[in-house]
Amino acid sequence: MSVSPQPSPRPSILRRWWKPATATSAGGTAAAVWFEELMLFAQEIITLISIAVLAGVIYLLNILMFNARMPKKEK
């Protein structure tokens, strides 16, 4: 009775991308620079997302503050 092997889990990001990084130039230093560029790109994306989130928070606080200061109609 043969047992079929379990499919391997998805490989880590370093296992997937080390060959393209080392194939494009000399080796370890190039991989480090390539990884650094990838992290800088991720940092820029995170910064843009956080700016949008902070703008939304400021906008909501602005609405709440001005709604509290609006004069109410007396009946």
PDB file of N, CA and C in Angstrom:
ATOM      1  N   MET A   1       0.839  -1.168   0.000  1.00  0.00           N
ATOM      2  CA  MET A   1       0.000   0.000   0.000  1.00  0.00           C
ATOM      3  C   MET A   1       0.892   1.241   0.000  1.00  0.00           C
ATOM      4  N   SER A   2       0.724   2.061  -1.019  1.00  0.00           N
ATOM      5  CA  SER A   2       1.565   3.258  -1.105  1.00  0.00           C
ATOM      6  C   SER A   2       0.818   4.460  -0.541  1.00  0.00           C
ATOM      7  N   VAL A   3       1.559   5.278   0.114  1.00  0.00           N
ATOM      8  CA  VAL A   3       0.987   6.479   0.704  1.00  0.00           C
ATOM      9  C   VAL A   3       1.462   7.665  -0.113  1.00  0.00           C
ATOM     10  N   SER A   4       0.521   8.434  -0.601  1.00  0.00           N
ATOM     11  CA  SER A   4       0.925   9.603  -1.385  1.00  0.00           C
ATOM     12  C   SER A   4       1.517  10.661  -0.461  1.00  0.00           C
ATOM     13  N   PRO A   5       2.595  11.290  -0.891  1.00  0.00           N
ATOM     14  CA  PRO A   5       3.214  12.306  -0.025  1.00  0.00           C
ATOM     15  C   PRO A   5       2.331  13.535   0.103  1.00  0.00           C
ATOM     16  N   GLN A   6       2.413  14.141   1.258  1.00  0.00           N
ATOM     17  CA  GLN A   6       1.653  15.375   1.500  1.00  0.00           C
ATOM     18  C   GLN A   6       2.273  16.503   0.670  1.00  0.00           C
ATOM     19  N   PRO A   7       1.450  17.372   0.112  1.00  0.00           N
ATOM     20  CA  PRO A   7       2.040  18.505  -0.602  1.00  0.00           C
ATOM     21  C   PRO A   7       2.789  19.396   0.395  1.00  0.00           C
ATOM     22  N   SER A   8       3.952  19.831  -0.027  1.00  0.00           N
ATOM     23  CA  SER A   8       4.756  20.651   0.876  1.00  0.00           C
ATOM     24  C   SER A   8       4.098  22.018   1.061  1.00  0.00           C
ATOM     25  N   PRO A   9       4.258  22.609   2.244  1.00  0.00           N
ATOM     26  CA  PRO A   9       3.690  23.941   2.451  1.00  0.00           C
ATOM     27  C   PRO A   9       4.388  24.959   1.558  1.00  0.00           C
ATOM     28  N   ARG A  10       3.773  26.078   1.422  1.00  0.00           N
ATOM     29  CA  ARG A  10       4.322  27.125   0.561  1.00  0.00           C
ATOM     30  C   ARG A  10       5.699  27.558   1.064  1.00  0.00           C
ATOM     31  N   PRO A  11       6.686  27.645   0.168  1.00  0.00           N
ATOM     32  CA  PRO A  11       8.030  28.009   0.627  1.00  0.00           C
ATOM     33  C   PRO A  11       8.082  29.452   1.113  1.00  0.00           C
ATOM     34  N   SER A  12       9.064  29.716   1.965  1.00  0.00           N
ATOM     35  CA  SER A  12       9.197  31.061   2.507  1.00  0.00           C
ATOM     36  C   SER A  12       9.617  32.023   1.405  1.00  0.00           C
ATOM     37  N   ILE A  13       9.514  33.309   1.708  1.00  0.00           N
ATOM     38  CA  ILE A  13       9.819  34.318   0.693  1.00  0.00           C
ATOM     39  C   ILE A  13      11.297  34.305   0.321  1.00  0.00           C
ATOM     40  N   LEU A  14      12.154  33.992   1.282  1.00  0.00           N
ATOM     41  CA  LEU A  14      13.582  33.933   0.956  1.00  0.00           C
ATOM     42  C   LEU A  14      13.901  32.756   0.047  1.00  0.00           C
ATOM     43  N   ARG A  15      13.226  31.620   0.245  1.00  0.00           N
ATOM     44  CA  ARG A  15      13.463  30.473  -0.622  1.00  0.00           C
ATOM     45  C   ARG A  15      12.952  30.726  -2.035  1.00  0.00           C
ATOM     46  N   ARG A  16      11.897  31.505  -2.162  1.00  0.00           N
ATOM     47  CA  ARG A  16      11.351  31.781  -3.487  1.00  0.00           C
ATOM     48  C   ARG A  16      12.179  32.783  -4.267  1.00  0.00           C
ATOM     49  N   TRP A  17      12.786  33.742  -3.588  1.00  0.00           N
ATOM     50  CA  TRP A  17      13.403  34.866  -4.305  1.00  0.00           C
ATOM     51  C   TRP A  17      14.919  34.903  -4.254  1.00  0.00           C
ATOM     52  N   TRP A  18      15.606  33.936  -3.636  1.00  0.00           N
ATOM     53  CA  TRP A  18      17.049  34.039  -3.560  1.00  0.00           C
ATOM     54  C   TRP A  18      17.700  33.766  -4.898  1.00  0.00           C
ATOM     55  N   LYS A  19      17.120  32.894  -5.721  1.00  0.00           N
ATOM     56  CA  LYS A  19      17.726  32.597  -7.022  1.00  0.00           C
ATOM     57  C   LYS A  19      17.673  33.788  -7.976  1.00  0.00           C
ATOM     58  N   PRO A  20      16.535  34.477  -8.130  1.00  0.00           N
ATOM     59  CA  PRO A  20      16.545  35.652  -9.015  1.00  0.00           C
ATOM     60  C   PRO A  20      17.499  36.742  -8.532  1.00  0.00           C
ATOM     61  N   ALA A  21      17.605  36.888  -7.227  1.00  0.00           N
ATOM     62  CA  ALA A  21      18.487  37.927  -6.695  1.00  0.00           C
ATOM     63  C   ALA A  21      19.947  37.600  -6.956  1.00  0.00           C
ATOM     64  N   THR A  22      20.330  36.337  -6.782  1.00  0.00           N
ATOM     65  CA  THR A  22      21.727  35.977  -7.007  1.00  0.00           C
ATOM     66  C   THR A  22      22.042  35.820  -8.478  1.00  0.00           C
ATOM     67  N   ALA A  23      21.062  35.499  -9.308  1.00  0.00           N
ATOM     68  CA  ALA A  23      21.308  35.356 -10.739  1.00  0.00           C
ATOM     69  C   ALA A  23      21.533  36.692 -11.421  1.00  0.00           C
ATOM     70  N   THR A  24      21.040  37.763 -10.857  1.00  0.00           N
ATOM     71  CA  THR A  24      21.195  39.066 -11.499  1.00  0.00           C
ATOM     72  C   THR A  24      22.568  39.672 -11.293  1.00  0.00           C
ATOM     73  N   SER A  25      23.341  39.185 -10.325  1.00  0.00           N
ATOM     74  CA  SER A  25      24.708  39.693 -10.164  1.00  0.00           C
ATOM     75  C   SER A  25      25.559  38.730  -9.367  1.00  0.00           C
ATOM     76  N   ALA A  26      26.550  39.235  -8.668  1.00  0.00           N
ATOM     77  CA  ALA A  26      27.624  38.413  -8.130  1.00  0.00           C
ATOM     78  C   ALA A  26      27.237  37.481  -6.994  1.00  0.00           C
ATOM     79  N   GLY A  27      26.307  37.813  -6.147  1.00  0.00           N
ATOM     80  CA  GLY A  27      25.997  36.878  -5.080  1.00  0.00           C
ATOM     81  C   GLY A  27      25.433  37.529  -3.848  1.00  0.00           C
ATOM     82  N   GLY A  28      26.081  37.296  -2.719  1.00  0.00           N
ATOM     83  CA  GLY A  28      25.560  37.686  -1.417  1.00  0.00           C
ATOM     84  C   GLY A  28      25.329  39.167  -1.252  1.00  0.00           C
ATOM     85  N   THR A  29      26.268  39.979  -1.705  1.00  0.00           N
ATOM     86  CA  THR A  29      26.111  41.428  -1.571  1.00  0.00           C
ATOM     87  C   THR A  29      24.932  41.914  -2.403  1.00  0.00           C
ATOM     88  N   ALA A  30      24.803  41.372  -3.598  1.00  0.00           N
ATOM     89  CA  ALA A  30      23.687  41.760  -4.457  1.00  0.00           C
ATOM     90  C   ALA A  30      22.361  41.358  -3.830  1.00  0.00           C
ATOM     91  N   ALA A  31      22.333  40.192  -3.197  1.00  0.00           N
ATOM     92  CA  ALA A  31      21.103  39.744  -2.539  1.00  0.00           C
ATOM     93  C   ALA A  31      20.747  40.675  -1.387  1.00  0.00           C
ATOM     94  N   ALA A  32      21.761  41.123  -0.646  1.00  0.00           N
ATOM     95  CA  ALA A  32      21.503  42.040   0.469  1.00  0.00           C
ATOM     96  C   ALA A  32      20.975  43.381  -0.043  1.00  0.00           C
ATOM     97  N   VAL A  33      21.565  43.893  -1.107  1.00  0.00           N
ATOM     98  CA  VAL A  33      21.106  45.163  -1.679  1.00  0.00           C
ATOM     99  C   VAL A  33      19.695  45.008  -2.244  1.00  0.00           C
ATOM    100  N   TRP A  34      19.446  43.889  -2.908  1.00  0.00           N
ATOM    101  CA  TRP A  34      18.125  43.629  -3.485  1.00  0.00           C
ATOM    102  C   TRP A  34      17.073  43.552  -2.385  1.00  0.00           C
ATOM    103  N   PHE A  35      17.398  42.872  -1.287  1.00  0.00           N
ATOM    104  CA  PHE A  35      16.478  42.759  -0.162  1.00  0.00           C
ATOM    105  C   PHE A  35      16.246  44.127   0.482  1.00  0.00           C
ATOM    106  N   GLU A  36      17.299  44.935   0.559  1.00  0.00           N
ATOM    107  CA  GLU A  36      17.170  46.283   1.123  1.00  0.00           C
ATOM    108  C   GLU A  36      16.245  47.142   0.270  1.00  0.00           C
ATOM    109  N   GLU A  37      16.366  47.045  -1.044  1.00  0.00           N
ATOM    110  CA  GLU A  37      15.479  47.791  -1.940  1.00  0.00           C
ATOM    111  C   GLU A  37      14.030  47.344  -1.776  1.00  0.00           C
ATOM    112  N   LEU A  38      13.835  46.045  -1.597  1.00  0.00           N
ATOM    113  CA  LEU A  38      12.493  45.522  -1.388  1.00  0.00           C
ATOM    114  C   LEU A  38      11.899  46.070  -0.089  1.00  0.00           C
ATOM    115  N   MET A  39      12.695  46.148   0.960  1.00  0.00           N
ATOM    116  CA  MET A  39      12.224  46.681   2.245  1.00  0.00           C
ATOM    117  C   MET A  39      11.940  48.179   2.155  1.00  0.00           C
ATOM    118  N   LEU A  40      12.739  48.919   1.400  1.00  0.00           N
ATOM    119  CA  LEU A  40      12.481  50.359   1.230  1.00  0.00           C
ATOM    120  C   LEU A  40      11.163  50.586   0.489  1.00  0.00           C
ATOM    121  N   PHE A  41      10.890  49.760  -0.510  1.00  0.00           N
ATOM    122  CA  PHE A  41       9.620  49.866  -1.228  1.00  0.00           C
ATOM    123  C   PHE A  41       8.450  49.585  -0.299  1.00  0.00           C
ATOM    124  N   ALA A  42       8.585  48.545   0.539  1.00  0.00           N
ATOM    125  CA  ALA A  42       7.529  48.223   1.500  1.00  0.00           C
ATOM    126  C   ALA A  42       7.335  49.363   2.491  1.00  0.00           C
ATOM    127  N   GLN A  43       8.431  49.995   2.900  1.00  0.00           N
ATOM    128  CA  GLN A  43       8.336  51.122   3.835  1.00  0.00           C
ATOM    129  C   GLN A  43       7.567  52.288   3.212  1.00  0.00           C
ATOM    130  N   GLU A  44       7.802  52.552   1.927  1.00  0.00           N
ATOM    131  CA  GLU A  44       7.076  53.634   1.259  1.00  0.00           C
ATOM    132  C   GLU A  44       5.589  53.329   1.162  1.00  0.00           C
ATOM    133  N   ILE A  45       5.235  52.094   0.863  1.00  0.00           N
ATOM    134  CA  ILE A  45       3.825  51.707   0.771  1.00  0.00           C
ATOM    135  C   ILE A  45       3.154  51.840   2.135  1.00  0.00           C
ATOM    136  N   ILE A  46       3.829  51.379   3.192  1.00  0.00           N
ATOM    137  CA  ILE A  46       3.270  51.485   4.542  1.00  0.00           C
ATOM    138  C   ILE A  46       3.091  52.944   4.927  1.00  0.00           C
ATOM    139  N   THR A  47       4.033  53.806   4.528  1.00  0.00           N
ATOM    140  CA  THR A  47       3.924  55.233   4.824  1.00  0.00           C
ATOM    141  C   THR A  47       2.708  55.841   4.137  1.00  0.00           C
ATOM    142  N   LEU A  48       2.492  55.499   2.885  1.00  0.00           N
ATOM    143  CA  LEU A  48       1.328  56.043   2.167  1.00  0.00           C
ATOM    144  C   LEU A  48       0.017  55.586   2.789  1.00  0.00           C
ATOM    145  N   ILE A  49      -0.038  54.327   3.195  1.00  0.00           N
ATOM    146  CA  ILE A  49      -1.253  53.815   3.831  1.00  0.00           C
ATOM    147  C   ILE A  49      -1.488  54.513   5.164  1.00  0.00           C
ATOM    148  N   SER A  50      -0.422  54.707   5.938  1.00  0.00           N
ATOM    149  CA  SER A  50      -0.591  55.347   7.251  1.00  0.00           C
ATOM    150  C   SER A  50      -0.986  56.812   7.112  1.00  0.00           C
ATOM    151  N   ILE A  51      -0.521  57.493   6.074  1.00  0.00           N
ATOM    152  CA  ILE A  51      -0.939  58.885   5.853  1.00  0.00           C
ATOM    153  C   ILE A  51      -2.445  58.942   5.591  1.00  0.00           C
ATOM    154  N   ALA A  52      -2.953  58.019   4.795  1.00  0.00           N
ATOM    155  CA  ALA A  52      -4.392  57.987   4.524  1.00  0.00           C
ATOM    156  C   ALA A  52      -5.187  57.690   5.793  1.00  0.00           C
ATOM    157  N   VAL A  53      -4.697  56.774   6.614  1.00  0.00           N
ATOM    158  CA  VAL A  53      -5.392  56.439   7.860  1.00  0.00           C
ATOM    159  C   VAL A  53      -5.382  57.637   8.806  1.00  0.00           C
ATOM    160  N   LEU A  54      -4.248  58.292   8.950  1.00  0.00           N
ATOM    161  CA  LEU A  54      -4.170  59.453   9.844  1.00  0.00           C
ATOM    162  C   LEU A  54      -5.043  60.602   9.351  1.00  0.00           C
ATOM    163  N   ALA A  55      -5.112  60.797   8.039  1.00  0.00           N
ATOM    164  CA  ALA A  55      -5.992  61.832   7.507  1.00  0.00           C
ATOM    165  C   ALA A  55      -7.454  61.515   7.843  1.00  0.00           C
ATOM    166  N   GLY A  56      -7.832  60.245   7.766  1.00  0.00           N
ATOM    167  CA  GLY A  56      -9.194  59.855   8.124  1.00  0.00           C
ATOM    168  C   GLY A  56      -9.487  60.096   9.593  1.00  0.00           C
ATOM    169  N   VAL A  57      -8.518  59.801  10.463  1.00  0.00           N
ATOM    170  CA  VAL A  57      -8.711  60.032  11.893  1.00  0.00           C
ATOM    171  C   VAL A  57      -8.861  61.522  12.179  1.00  0.00           C
ATOM    172  N   ILE A  58      -8.032  62.348  11.565  1.00  0.00           N
ATOM    173  CA  ILE A  58      -8.126  63.799  11.762  1.00  0.00           C
ATOM    174  C   ILE A  58      -9.465  64.320  11.251  1.00  0.00           C
ATOM    175  N   TYR A  59      -9.918  63.800  10.104  1.00  0.00           N
ATOM    176  CA  TYR A  59     -11.200  64.220   9.557  1.00  0.00           C
ATOM    177  C   TYR A  59     -12.349  63.848  10.500  1.00  0.00           C
ATOM    178  N   LEU A  60     -12.326  62.642  11.043  1.00  0.00           N
ATOM    179  CA  LEU A  60     -13.375  62.235  11.982  1.00  0.00           C
ATOM    180  C   LEU A  60     -13.357  63.076  13.254  1.00  0.00           C
ATOM    181  N   LEU A  61     -12.177  63.357  13.778  1.00  0.00           N
ATOM    182  CA  LEU A  61     -12.090  64.210  14.956  1.00  0.00           C
ATOM    183  C   LEU A  61     -12.607  65.616  14.660  1.00  0.00           C
ATOM    184  N   ASN A  62     -12.335  66.107  13.471  1.00  0.00           N
ATOM    185  CA  ASN A  62     -12.819  67.416  13.066  1.00  0.00           C
ATOM    186  C   ASN A  62     -14.351  67.439  13.033  1.00  0.00           C
ATOM    187  N   ILE A  63     -14.944  66.391  12.462  1.00  0.00           N
ATOM    188  CA  ILE A  63     -16.411  66.314  12.412  1.00  0.00           C
ATOM    189  C   ILE A  63     -16.986  66.263  13.822  1.00  0.00           C
ATOM    190  N   LEU A  64     -16.417  65.427  14.673  1.00  0.00           N
ATOM    191  CA  LEU A  64     -16.934  65.293  16.034  1.00  0.00           C
ATOM    192  C   LEU A  64     -16.795  66.596  16.820  1.00  0.00           C
ATOM    193  N   MET A  65     -15.682  67.285  16.639  1.00  0.00           N
ATOM    194  CA  MET A  65     -15.464  68.516  17.382  1.00  0.00           C
ATOM    195  C   MET A  65     -16.447  69.600  16.935  1.00  0.00           C
ATOM    196  N   PHE A  66     -16.653  69.745  15.629  1.00  0.00           N
ATOM    197  CA  PHE A  66     -17.554  70.786  15.166  1.00  0.00           C
ATOM    198  C   PHE A  66     -19.013  70.439  15.399  1.00  0.00           C
ATOM    199  N   ASN A  67     -19.383  69.172  15.420  1.00  0.00           N
ATOM    200  CA  ASN A  67     -20.758  68.801  15.754  1.00  0.00           C
ATOM    201  C   ASN A  67     -21.070  69.114  17.209  1.00  0.00           C
ATOM    202  N   ALA A  68     -20.088  68.955  18.079  1.00  0.00           N
ATOM    203  CA  ALA A  68     -20.309  69.262  19.488  1.00  0.00           C
ATOM    204  C   ALA A  68     -20.434  70.766  19.722  1.00  0.00           C
ATOM    205  N   ARG A  69     -19.847  71.582  18.876  1.00  0.00           N
ATOM    206  CA  ARG A  69     -19.886  73.029  19.074  1.00  0.00           C
ATOM    207  C   ARG A  69     -21.036  73.710  18.336  1.00  0.00           C
ATOM    208  N   MET A  70     -21.781  72.947  17.530  1.00  0.00           N
ATOM    209  CA  MET A  70     -22.892  73.532  16.778  1.00  0.00           C
ATOM    210  C   MET A  70     -23.997  73.945  17.727  1.00  0.00           C
ATOM    211  N   PRO A  71     -24.561  75.129  17.528  1.00  0.00           N
ATOM    212  CA  PRO A  71     -25.675  75.529  18.406  1.00  0.00           C
ATOM    213  C   PRO A  71     -26.906  74.666  18.112  1.00  0.00           C
ATOM    214  N   LYS A  72     -27.611  74.325  19.156  1.00  0.00           N
ATOM    215  CA  LYS A  72     -28.791  73.475  19.005  1.00  0.00           C
ATOM    216  C   LYS A  72     -30.028  74.362  18.939  1.00  0.00           C
ATOM    217  N   LYS A  73     -30.991  73.942  18.145  1.00  0.00           N
ATOM    218  CA  LYS A  73     -32.246  74.692  18.044  1.00  0.00           C
ATOM    219  C   LYS A  73     -33.034  74.501  19.335  1.00  0.00           C
ATOM    220  N   GLU A  74     -33.488  75.617  19.855  1.00  0.00           N
ATOM    221  CA  GLU A  74     -34.330  75.529  21.038  1.00  0.00           C
ATOM    222  C   GLU A  74     -35.783  75.470  20.589  1.00  0.00           C
ATOM    223  N   LYS A  75     -36.551  74.634  21.206  1.00  0.00           N
ATOM    224  CA  LYS A  75     -37.957  74.480  20.814  1.00  0.00           C
ATOM    225  C   LYS A  75     -38.849  75.304  21.669  1.00  0.00           C
TER     226      LYS A  75
END
